[in-house]
C-alpha atoms as a PDB file:
ATOM      1  CA  UNK A   1     -50.350   3.832 -15.532  1.00  0.00           C
ATOM      2  CA  UNK A   2     -49.992   7.463 -14.421  1.00  0.00           C
ATOM      3  CA  UNK A   3     -51.867   6.765 -11.251  1.00  0.00           C
ATOM      4  CA  UNK A   4     -49.640   3.751 -10.493  1.00  0.00           C
ATOM      5  CA  UNK A   5     -46.351   5.660 -10.944  1.00  0.00           C
ATOM      6  CA  UNK A   6     -47.302   8.296  -8.366  1.00  0.00           C
ATOM      7  CA  UNK A   7     -48.325   5.926  -5.632  1.00  0.00           C
ATOM      8  CA  UNK A   8     -46.654   6.338  -2.269  1.00  0.00           C
ATOM      9  CA  UNK A   9     -45.461   2.719  -2.348  1.00  0.00           C
ATOM     10  CA  UNK A  10     -43.583   3.316  -5.606  1.00  0.00           C
ATOM     11  CA  UNK A  11     -41.927   6.434  -4.222  1.00  0.00           C
ATOM     12  CA  UNK A  12     -40.870   4.613  -1.055  1.00  0.00           C
ATOM     13  CA  UNK A  13     -39.413   1.690  -3.030  1.00  0.00           C
ATOM     14  CA  UNK A  14     -37.458   4.032  -5.326  1.00  0.00           C
ATOM     15  CA  UNK A  15     -36.201   6.030  -2.332  1.00  0.00           C
ATOM     16  CA  UNK A  16     -35.009   2.860  -0.596  1.00  0.00           C
ATOM     17  CA  UNK A  17     -33.227   1.708  -3.762  1.00  0.00           C
ATOM     18  CA  UNK A  18     -31.465   5.075  -4.107  1.00  0.00           C
ATOM     19  CA  UNK A  19     -30.400   5.069  -0.439  1.00  0.00           C
ATOM     20  CA  UNK A  20     -29.116   1.490  -0.727  1.00  0.00           C
ATOM     21  CA  UNK A  21     -27.173   2.355  -3.896  1.00  0.00           C
ATOM     22  CA  UNK A  22     -25.459   5.340  -2.296  1.00  0.00           C
ATOM     23  CA  UNK A  23     -24.760   3.364   0.860  1.00  0.00           C
ATOM     24  CA  UNK A  24     -23.199   0.568  -1.175  1.00  0.00           C
ATOM     25  CA  UNK A  25     -21.033   3.014  -3.120  1.00  0.00           C
ATOM     26  CA  UNK A  26     -19.811   4.714   0.055  1.00  0.00           C
ATOM     27  CA  UNK A  27     -19.149   1.346   1.689  1.00  0.00           C
ATOM     28  CA  UNK A  28     -17.122   0.211  -1.343  1.00  0.00           C
ATOM     29  CA  UNK A  29     -14.995   3.367  -1.267  1.00  0.00           C
ATOM     30  CA  UNK A  30     -14.381   3.082   2.480  1.00  0.00           C
ATOM     31  CA  UNK A  31     -13.538  -0.607   2.146  1.00  0.00           C
ATOM     32  CA  UNK A  32     -11.027   0.099  -0.624  1.00  0.00           C
ATOM     33  CA  UNK A  33      -9.372   2.919   1.283  1.00  0.00           C
ATOM     34  CA  UNK A  34      -9.309   1.510   4.817  1.00  0.00           C
ATOM     35  CA  UNK A  35      -9.331  -2.275   4.551  1.00  0.00           C
ATOM     36  CA  UNK A  36      -7.404  -2.830   1.313  1.00  0.00           C
ATOM     37  CA  UNK A  37      -5.192   0.250   1.772  1.00  0.00           C
ATOM     38  CA  UNK A  38      -5.748   1.591  -1.729  1.00  0.00           C
ATOM     39  CA  UNK A  39      -4.062   4.881  -2.304  1.00  0.00           C
ATOM     40  CA  UNK A  40      -6.455   7.425  -3.803  1.00  0.00           C
ATOM     41  CA  UNK A  41      -3.899  10.202  -3.270  1.00  0.00           C
ATOM     42  CA  UNK A  42      -2.170   9.253  -6.527  1.00  0.00           C
ATOM     43  CA  UNK A  43      -5.236  10.436  -8.422  1.00  0.00           C
ATOM     44  CA  UNK A  44      -4.710  13.983  -7.184  1.00  0.00           C
ATOM     45  CA  UNK A  45      -0.920  14.168  -7.555  1.00  0.00           C
ATOM     46  CA  UNK A  46       0.567  16.194 -10.400  1.00  0.00           C
ATOM     47  CA  UNK A  47       3.593  14.064 -11.250  1.00  0.00           C
ATOM     48  CA  UNK A  48       4.182  10.325 -10.838  1.00  0.00           C
ATOM     49  CA  UNK A  49       7.870  10.826 -10.066  1.00  0.00           C
ATOM     50  CA  UNK A  50       6.997  12.960  -7.021  1.00  0.00           C
ATOM     51  CA  UNK A  51       4.283  10.622  -5.766  1.00  0.00           C
ATOM     52  CA  UNK A  52       4.392   8.307  -2.761  1.00  0.00           C
ATOM     53  CA  UNK A  53       3.802   5.292  -5.003  1.00  0.00           C
ATOM     54  CA  UNK A  54       6.986   6.006  -6.973  1.00  0.00           C
ATOM     55  CA  UNK A  55       8.958   6.532  -3.773  1.00  0.00           C
ATOM     56  CA  UNK A  56       7.727   3.215  -2.344  1.00  0.00           C
ATOM     57  CA  UNK A  57       8.572   1.376  -5.576  1.00  0.00           C
ATOM     58  CA  UNK A  58      12.027   2.943  -5.752  1.00  0.00           C
ATOM     59  CA  UNK A  59      13.020   2.343  -2.127  1.00  0.00           C
ATOM     60  CA  UNK A  60      14.084  -1.287  -2.619  1.00  0.00           C
ATOM     61  CA  UNK A  61      16.024  -0.509  -5.789  1.00  0.00           C
ATOM     62  CA  UNK A  62      17.850   2.362  -4.099  1.00  0.00           C
ATOM     63  CA  UNK A  63      18.644   0.196  -1.074  1.00  0.00           C
ATOM     64  CA  UNK A  64      20.074  -2.537  -3.324  1.00  0.00           C
ATOM     65  CA  UNK A  65      22.164  -0.037  -5.274  1.00  0.00           C
ATOM     66  CA  UNK A  66      23.468   1.515  -2.072  1.00  0.00           C
ATOM     67  CA  UNK A  67      24.488  -1.905  -0.775  1.00  0.00           C
ATOM     68  CA  UNK A  68      26.214  -2.768  -4.070  1.00  0.00           C
ATOM     69  CA  UNK A  69      28.093   0.540  -4.132  1.00  0.00           C
ATOM     70  CA  UNK A  70      29.295   0.076  -0.563  1.00  0.00           C
ATOM     71  CA  UNK A  71      30.360  -3.514  -1.267  1.00  0.00           C
ATOM     72  CA  UNK A  72      32.041  -3.139  -4.658  1.00  0.00           C
ATOM     73  CA  UNK A  73      33.153   0.534  -4.420  1.00  0.00           C
ATOM     74  CA  UNK A  74      34.617   1.006  -7.951  1.00  0.00           C
ATOM     75  CA  UNK A  75      36.121  -0.820 -10.938  1.00  0.00           C
ATOM     76  CA  UNK A  76      39.702  -0.660  -9.655  1.00  0.00           C
ATOM     77  CA  UNK A  77      38.660  -2.179  -6.336  1.00  0.00           C
ATOM     78  CA  UNK A  78      36.902  -5.047  -8.117  1.00  0.00           C
ATOM     79  CA  UNK A  79      39.816  -5.675 -10.505  1.00  0.00           C
ATOM     80  CA  UNK A  80      42.312  -5.672  -7.641  1.00  0.00           C
ATOM     81  CA  UNK A  81      40.394  -8.577  -6.080  1.00  0.00           C
ATOM     82  CA  UNK A  82      39.185  -6.615  -3.080  1.00  0.00           C
ATOM     83  CA  UNK A  83      35.666  -7.977  -3.303  1.00  0.00           C
ATOM     84  CA  UNK A  84      36.631 -11.630  -2.853  1.00  0.00           C
ATOM     85  CA  UNK A  85      39.249 -13.417  -0.750  1.00  0.00           C
ATOM     86  CA  UNK A  86      41.576 -16.193  -1.870  1.00  0.00           C
ATOM     87  CA  UNK A  87      39.652 -18.668   0.275  1.00  0.00           C
ATOM     88  CA  UNK A  88      36.369 -17.752  -1.443  1.00  0.00           C
ATOM     89  CA  UNK A  89      38.021 -18.211  -4.847  1.00  0.00           C
ATOM     90  CA  UNK A  90      39.316 -21.668  -3.830  1.00  0.00           C
ATOM     91  CA  UNK A  91      35.910 -22.688  -2.436  1.00  0.00           C
ATOM     92  CA  UNK A  92      34.100 -21.581  -5.593  1.00  0.00           C
ATOM     93  CA  UNK A  93      36.647 -23.315  -7.837  1.00  0.00           C
ATOM     94  CA  UNK A  94      36.263 -26.515  -5.812  1.00  0.00           C
ATOM     95  CA  UNK A  95      32.479 -26.315  -6.022  1.00  0.00           C
ATOM     96  CA  UNK A  96      32.589 -25.760  -9.772  1.00  0.00           C
ATOM     97  CA  UNK A  97      35.029 -28.656 -10.235  1.00  0.00           C
ATOM     98  CA  UNK A  98      32.840 -30.975  -8.158  1.00  0.00           C
ATOM     99  CA  UNK A  99      29.808 -29.944 -10.179  1.00  0.00           C
ATOM    100  CA  UNK A 100      31.729 -30.550 -13.417  1.00  0.00           C
ATOM    101  CA  UNK A 101      32.793 -34.046 -12.253  1.00  0.00           C
ATOM    102  CA  UNK A 102      29.261 -35.019 -11.221  1.00  0.00           C
ATOM    103  CA  UNK A 103      27.767 -33.840 -14.522  1.00  0.00           C
ATOM    104  CA  UNK A 104      30.522 -35.505 -16.594  1.00  0.00           C
ATOM    105  CA  UNK A 105      29.888 -38.947 -15.110  1.00  0.00           C
END
């Protein structure tokens, strides 16, 4: 058995297996990073709230909030009816009444 384990063929086969394993691991890492756009930078960042992932996730929420603030301004503006016109109120009331009539039948 000792003689068999030190044969050149065994060493070559083991070397090829090791090279193929490392090549596969490197290929998997490159494929994750380049093709699937995985972000390994988050592993090395200190704080999640300062990371690029958090900024990307928060962008849409911040954009929506900014739009809502610019549209509705404040409570007094909403209560004064500034966010909706009389025509929009009439259209919505008509739609709701039509829906009520169709469901009541």
